[in-house]
Amino acid sequence: MKLTITDAAKEKIQNKIQGDAKFFLSLDDGVGNFSDAGSCAIDTSFDFIAVNPDLDDKDFNAEMDSDLGPVFYKDYSGSFLEQNLKFDVMYNALVLKGDSGMIDGNVPVVDKRN
C-alpha cells in the first residue's frame, strides 16, 4: 500500500507538523488512544496524527509507505483503504482518495507530540 501526498497536501501537513514525527492514519472508530469517539456517520472518517517518533502503539500494527515516510494504521482499517492512496487538498481540506474515488473528504491533521 502506498500513500502519495501532493505538494498542496504536504504544505498543509507541514504547516501543522514541524520536526520529527511518526505518522498514524487513524480510523475514527473508538478504538485506541487516538480515537476520541467512534464515527456514527455513514461515511468513513480518518485522522492524520503526528506522534513522538519513538512511540510504539500496538493498535497501529500495519504500515504503508508515503512521501513523508512510513504511515502506520490499524490493520483492520485496511478494508476501508486501497492499494493506491492519495492525500490532496480540496476546498482547503485534506482529502483521502483511492483509485475508486473519495474515501474521506476532510481528514484532520493532529499533532499529539509532547
N, C-alpha and C. Protein backbone atom coordinates (compact mmCIF):
# COMPACT_ATOMS: atom_id res chain seq x y z
N MET A 1 0.85 -1.17 0.00
CA MET A 1 0.00 0.00 0.00
C MET A 1 0.90 1.24 0.00
N LYS A 2 0.51 2.25 -0.76
CA LYS A 2 1.29 3.48 -0.90
C LYS A 2 0.38 4.68 -0.78
N LEU A 3 0.83 5.69 -0.01
CA LEU A 3 0.12 6.95 0.14
C LEU A 3 0.93 8.04 -0.54
N THR A 4 0.42 8.53 -1.66
CA THR A 4 1.04 9.65 -2.36
C THR A 4 0.49 10.93 -1.76
N ILE A 5 1.38 11.87 -1.50
CA ILE A 5 0.97 13.14 -0.89
C ILE A 5 1.33 14.26 -1.85
N THR A 6 0.32 14.96 -2.34
CA THR A 6 0.55 16.05 -3.29
C THR A 6 1.30 17.19 -2.59
N ASP A 7 1.87 18.08 -3.39
CA ASP A 7 2.58 19.22 -2.81
C ASP A 7 1.66 20.08 -1.94
N ALA A 8 0.43 20.28 -2.38
CA ALA A 8 -0.52 21.08 -1.61
C ALA A 8 -0.83 20.40 -0.27
N ALA A 9 -0.95 19.08 -0.28
CA ALA A 9 -1.23 18.35 0.96
C ALA A 9 -0.01 18.38 1.88
N LYS A 10 1.19 18.23 1.31
CA LYS A 10 2.41 18.33 2.12
C LYS A 10 2.49 19.67 2.82
N GLU A 11 2.19 20.73 2.07
CA GLU A 11 2.23 22.07 2.66
C GLU A 11 1.22 22.19 3.81
N LYS A 12 0.04 21.67 3.61
CA LYS A 12 -1.00 21.73 4.66
C LYS A 12 -0.54 20.96 5.90
N ILE A 13 0.03 19.78 5.70
CA ILE A 13 0.51 18.97 6.83
C ILE A 13 1.68 19.66 7.51
N GLN A 14 2.64 20.15 6.73
CA GLN A 14 3.84 20.75 7.31
C GLN A 14 3.56 22.10 7.96
N ASN A 15 2.45 22.74 7.64
CA ASN A 15 2.05 23.96 8.35
C ASN A 15 1.64 23.64 9.79
N LYS A 16 1.18 22.41 10.03
CA LYS A 16 0.76 22.00 11.38
C LYS A 16 1.82 21.17 12.09
N ILE A 17 2.63 20.43 11.33
CA ILE A 17 3.59 19.49 11.90
C ILE A 17 4.99 19.86 11.42
N GLN A 18 5.84 20.35 12.33
CA GLN A 18 7.24 20.60 12.01
C GLN A 18 8.09 19.68 12.88
N GLY A 19 9.23 19.31 12.36
CA GLY A 19 10.16 18.48 13.13
C GLY A 19 9.87 17.00 12.98
N ASP A 20 10.58 16.21 13.79
CA ASP A 20 10.47 14.75 13.71
C ASP A 20 9.13 14.27 14.24
N ALA A 21 8.56 13.33 13.52
CA ALA A 21 7.27 12.75 13.93
C ALA A 21 7.11 11.39 13.29
N LYS A 22 6.32 10.57 13.94
CA LYS A 22 5.82 9.31 13.39
C LYS A 22 4.36 9.61 13.04
N PHE A 23 3.88 9.04 11.93
CA PHE A 23 2.53 9.36 11.48
C PHE A 23 1.61 8.16 11.58
N PHE A 24 0.40 8.42 12.07
CA PHE A 24 -0.67 7.43 12.15
C PHE A 24 -1.83 7.91 11.28
N LEU A 25 -2.37 7.02 10.46
CA LEU A 25 -3.63 7.27 9.77
C LEU A 25 -4.67 6.49 10.56
N SER A 26 -5.44 7.20 11.36
CA SER A 26 -6.30 6.57 12.36
C SER A 26 -7.76 6.60 11.94
N LEU A 27 -8.33 5.42 11.78
CA LEU A 27 -9.77 5.31 11.56
C LEU A 27 -10.46 5.72 12.85
N ASP A 28 -11.38 6.66 12.77
CA ASP A 28 -12.10 7.14 13.96
C ASP A 28 -13.21 6.15 14.29
N ASP A 29 -12.81 5.09 15.00
CA ASP A 29 -13.76 4.01 15.31
C ASP A 29 -13.91 3.77 16.80
N GLY A 30 -13.32 4.65 17.62
CA GLY A 30 -13.42 4.50 19.06
C GLY A 30 -12.41 3.54 19.65
N VAL A 31 -11.51 2.99 18.84
CA VAL A 31 -10.51 2.04 19.33
C VAL A 31 -9.16 2.74 19.46
N GLY A 32 -8.53 2.61 20.61
CA GLY A 32 -7.18 3.11 20.82
C GLY A 32 -7.12 4.49 21.45
N ASN A 33 -5.90 4.91 21.69
CA ASN A 33 -5.63 6.16 22.40
C ASN A 33 -5.91 7.41 21.57
N PHE A 34 -6.04 7.29 20.28
CA PHE A 34 -6.14 8.45 19.41
C PHE A 34 -7.50 8.60 18.73
N SER A 35 -8.47 7.82 19.16
CA SER A 35 -9.81 7.91 18.62
C SER A 35 -10.74 8.33 19.75
N ASP A 36 -11.16 9.59 19.72
CA ASP A 36 -11.98 10.13 20.80
C ASP A 36 -13.32 9.42 20.90
N ALA A 37 -13.93 9.20 19.76
CA ALA A 37 -15.23 8.52 19.73
C ALA A 37 -15.42 7.89 18.38
N GLY A 38 -16.12 6.82 18.35
CA GLY A 38 -16.39 6.16 17.07
C GLY A 38 -17.23 7.04 16.18
N SER A 39 -17.01 6.91 14.90
CA SER A 39 -17.80 7.68 13.95
C SER A 39 -19.18 7.05 13.80
N CYS A 40 -20.19 7.83 14.05
CA CYS A 40 -21.57 7.35 13.91
C CYS A 40 -22.13 7.71 12.54
N ALA A 41 -21.33 8.40 11.75
CA ALA A 41 -21.80 8.83 10.45
C ALA A 41 -21.76 7.66 9.47
N ILE A 42 -22.46 7.84 8.39
CA ILE A 42 -22.49 6.82 7.35
C ILE A 42 -21.14 6.75 6.64
N ASP A 43 -20.44 7.89 6.54
CA ASP A 43 -19.17 7.90 5.83
C ASP A 43 -18.01 7.47 6.73
N THR A 44 -16.88 7.20 6.13
CA THR A 44 -15.69 6.77 6.83
C THR A 44 -14.88 7.99 7.23
N SER A 45 -14.36 7.97 8.47
CA SER A 45 -13.65 9.13 8.99
C SER A 45 -12.26 8.72 9.48
N PHE A 46 -11.23 9.41 8.96
CA PHE A 46 -9.85 9.19 9.37
C PHE A 46 -9.26 10.48 9.93
N ASP A 47 -8.23 10.33 10.78
CA ASP A 47 -7.42 11.44 11.27
C ASP A 47 -5.98 11.13 10.88
N PHE A 48 -5.20 12.18 10.55
CA PHE A 48 -3.77 12.03 10.30
C PHE A 48 -3.06 12.61 11.51
N ILE A 49 -2.40 11.74 12.28
CA ILE A 49 -1.89 12.11 13.59
C ILE A 49 -0.38 12.01 13.63
N ALA A 50 0.27 13.05 14.16
CA ALA A 50 1.71 13.04 14.40
C ALA A 50 1.94 12.70 15.86
N VAL A 51 2.82 11.73 16.11
CA VAL A 51 3.18 11.35 17.48
C VAL A 51 4.71 11.36 17.59
N ASN A 52 5.19 11.22 18.81
CA ASN A 52 6.63 11.17 19.02
C ASN A 52 7.22 10.00 18.23
N PRO A 53 8.39 10.20 17.60
CA PRO A 53 8.97 9.16 16.74
C PRO A 53 9.23 7.83 17.45
N ASP A 54 9.45 7.85 18.75
CA ASP A 54 9.76 6.61 19.48
C ASP A 54 8.53 5.93 20.05
N LEU A 55 7.34 6.48 19.81
CA LEU A 55 6.11 5.89 20.35
C LEU A 55 5.75 4.61 19.60
N ASP A 56 5.53 3.55 20.35
CA ASP A 56 5.00 2.31 19.78
C ASP A 56 3.59 2.15 20.30
N ASP A 57 2.65 1.95 19.42
CA ASP A 57 1.26 1.77 19.79
C ASP A 57 0.77 0.48 19.14
N LYS A 58 0.39 -0.49 19.96
CA LYS A 58 0.01 -1.81 19.45
C LYS A 58 -1.20 -1.78 18.52
N ASP A 59 -2.03 -0.74 18.64
CA ASP A 59 -3.20 -0.65 17.76
C ASP A 59 -2.80 -0.35 16.31
N PHE A 60 -1.69 0.37 16.13
CA PHE A 60 -1.23 0.75 14.79
C PHE A 60 -0.18 -0.26 14.35
N ASN A 61 -0.65 -1.40 13.90
CA ASN A 61 0.19 -2.57 13.66
C ASN A 61 0.42 -2.87 12.19
N ALA A 62 0.05 -1.96 11.32
CA ALA A 62 0.30 -2.11 9.89
C ALA A 62 0.97 -0.84 9.39
N GLU A 63 1.69 -0.95 8.30
CA GLU A 63 2.49 0.17 7.81
C GLU A 63 2.36 0.29 6.30
N MET A 64 2.33 1.55 5.84
CA MET A 64 2.37 1.83 4.40
C MET A 64 3.45 2.87 4.14
N ASP A 65 3.95 2.90 2.94
CA ASP A 65 4.93 3.88 2.53
C ASP A 65 4.19 5.16 2.11
N SER A 66 4.86 6.30 2.33
CA SER A 66 4.30 7.58 1.87
C SER A 66 5.44 8.51 1.50
N ASP A 67 5.09 9.65 0.93
CA ASP A 67 6.07 10.65 0.56
C ASP A 67 6.67 11.34 1.78
N LEU A 68 6.10 11.13 2.96
CA LEU A 68 6.64 11.68 4.21
C LEU A 68 7.26 10.60 5.08
N GLY A 69 7.43 9.40 4.54
CA GLY A 69 7.96 8.29 5.31
C GLY A 69 6.84 7.32 5.68
N PRO A 70 7.14 6.35 6.55
CA PRO A 70 6.14 5.35 6.91
C PRO A 70 4.91 5.98 7.59
N VAL A 71 3.76 5.44 7.27
CA VAL A 71 2.50 5.82 7.93
C VAL A 71 1.90 4.53 8.49
N PHE A 72 1.57 4.54 9.77
CA PHE A 72 1.04 3.37 10.45
C PHE A 72 -0.47 3.48 10.59
N TYR A 73 -1.13 2.33 10.53
CA TYR A 73 -2.59 2.29 10.63
C TYR A 73 -3.01 0.98 11.29
N LYS A 74 -4.26 0.92 11.74
CA LYS A 74 -4.81 -0.30 12.33
C LYS A 74 -5.05 -1.29 11.19
N ASP A 75 -4.49 -2.48 11.30
CA ASP A 75 -4.56 -3.41 10.18
C ASP A 75 -5.98 -3.64 9.66
N TYR A 76 -6.95 -3.74 10.55
CA TYR A 76 -8.32 -4.00 10.10
C TYR A 76 -8.93 -2.81 9.36
N SER A 77 -8.38 -1.60 9.58
CA SER A 77 -8.92 -0.44 8.85
C SER A 77 -8.51 -0.46 7.38
N GLY A 78 -7.60 -1.39 7.03
CA GLY A 78 -7.21 -1.55 5.64
C GLY A 78 -8.38 -1.91 4.74
N SER A 79 -9.45 -2.43 5.31
CA SER A 79 -10.62 -2.76 4.49
C SER A 79 -11.29 -1.50 3.93
N PHE A 80 -10.99 -0.33 4.51
CA PHE A 80 -11.53 0.93 4.01
C PHE A 80 -10.56 1.61 3.05
N LEU A 81 -9.35 1.07 2.93
CA LEU A 81 -8.29 1.69 2.14
C LEU A 81 -8.07 0.92 0.85
N GLU A 82 -7.25 1.48 -0.02
CA GLU A 82 -6.93 0.87 -1.30
C GLU A 82 -5.42 0.83 -1.48
N GLN A 83 -4.95 0.08 -2.45
CA GLN A 83 -3.51 -0.02 -2.69
C GLN A 83 -2.88 1.32 -3.04
N ASN A 84 -3.57 2.10 -3.84
CA ASN A 84 -3.07 3.41 -4.26
C ASN A 84 -3.90 4.49 -3.60
N LEU A 85 -3.30 5.14 -2.61
CA LEU A 85 -3.99 6.21 -1.88
C LEU A 85 -3.34 7.54 -2.20
N LYS A 86 -4.12 8.62 -2.01
CA LYS A 86 -3.58 9.96 -2.24
C LYS A 86 -4.18 10.93 -1.25
N PHE A 87 -3.28 11.73 -0.63
CA PHE A 87 -3.71 12.92 0.12
C PHE A 87 -3.63 14.09 -0.84
N ASP A 88 -4.68 14.88 -0.89
CA ASP A 88 -4.71 16.09 -1.70
C ASP A 88 -5.48 17.14 -0.91
N VAL A 89 -5.58 18.32 -1.46
CA VAL A 89 -6.34 19.40 -0.82
C VAL A 89 -7.48 19.79 -1.74
N MET A 90 -8.67 19.86 -1.17
CA MET A 90 -9.86 20.30 -1.90
C MET A 90 -10.67 21.20 -0.98
N TYR A 91 -11.00 22.40 -1.45
CA TYR A 91 -11.75 23.36 -0.63
C TYR A 91 -11.08 23.58 0.72
N ASN A 92 -9.74 23.67 0.71
CA ASN A 92 -8.91 23.90 1.89
C ASN A 92 -8.96 22.76 2.91
N ALA A 93 -9.44 21.61 2.53
CA ALA A 93 -9.48 20.44 3.43
C ALA A 93 -8.56 19.36 2.86
N LEU A 94 -7.92 18.63 3.77
CA LEU A 94 -7.11 17.48 3.38
C LEU A 94 -8.06 16.34 3.07
N VAL A 95 -7.94 15.78 1.88
CA VAL A 95 -8.83 14.69 1.46
C VAL A 95 -8.01 13.43 1.18
N LEU A 96 -8.62 12.29 1.46
CA LEU A 96 -8.02 10.99 1.21
C LEU A 96 -8.80 10.32 0.09
N LYS A 97 -8.07 9.97 -1.00
CA LYS A 97 -8.70 9.36 -2.16
C LYS A 97 -8.02 8.04 -2.46
N GLY A 98 -8.76 7.18 -3.14
CA GLY A 98 -8.21 5.94 -3.68
C GLY A 98 -8.52 5.88 -5.16
N ASP A 99 -8.14 4.78 -5.81
CA ASP A 99 -8.42 4.63 -7.24
C ASP A 99 -9.92 4.69 -7.54
N SER A 100 -10.74 4.27 -6.59
CA SER A 100 -12.19 4.26 -6.83
C SER A 100 -12.87 5.58 -6.45
N GLY A 101 -12.13 6.53 -5.88
CA GLY A 101 -12.73 7.82 -5.55
C GLY A 101 -12.44 8.24 -4.12
N MET A 102 -13.28 9.14 -3.63
CA MET A 102 -13.11 9.75 -2.31
C MET A 102 -13.34 8.72 -1.20
N ILE A 103 -12.41 8.70 -0.23
CA ILE A 103 -12.56 7.87 0.96
C ILE A 103 -12.98 8.73 2.14
N ASP A 104 -12.30 9.89 2.32
CA ASP A 104 -12.64 10.83 3.39
C ASP A 104 -12.40 12.23 2.87
N GLY A 105 -13.42 13.07 2.88
CA GLY A 105 -13.35 14.42 2.33
C GLY A 105 -12.86 15.48 3.29
N ASN A 106 -12.50 15.10 4.52
CA ASN A 106 -12.00 16.08 5.48
C ASN A 106 -11.19 15.35 6.55
N VAL A 107 -9.90 15.17 6.32
CA VAL A 107 -9.03 14.46 7.26
C VAL A 107 -8.31 15.49 8.13
N PRO A 108 -8.62 15.55 9.42
CA PRO A 108 -7.92 16.48 10.31
C PRO A 108 -6.45 16.07 10.48
N VAL A 109 -5.58 17.06 10.57
CA VAL A 109 -4.17 16.86 10.89
C VAL A 109 -4.00 17.23 12.35
N VAL A 110 -3.54 16.27 13.16
CA VAL A 110 -3.49 16.47 14.60
C VAL A 110 -2.07 16.19 15.10
N ASP A 111 -1.53 17.10 15.91
CA ASP A 111 -0.20 16.93 16.49
C ASP A 111 -0.36 16.48 17.94
N LYS A 112 -0.01 15.23 18.22
CA LYS A 112 -0.13 14.65 19.57
C LYS A 112 1.24 14.44 20.22
N ARG A 113 2.27 15.12 19.71
CA ARG A 113 3.59 15.00 20.30
C ARG A 113 3.65 15.82 21.58
N ASN A 114 4.48 15.36 22.50
CA ASN A 114 4.64 16.11 23.77
C ASN A 114 5.63 17.23 23.61
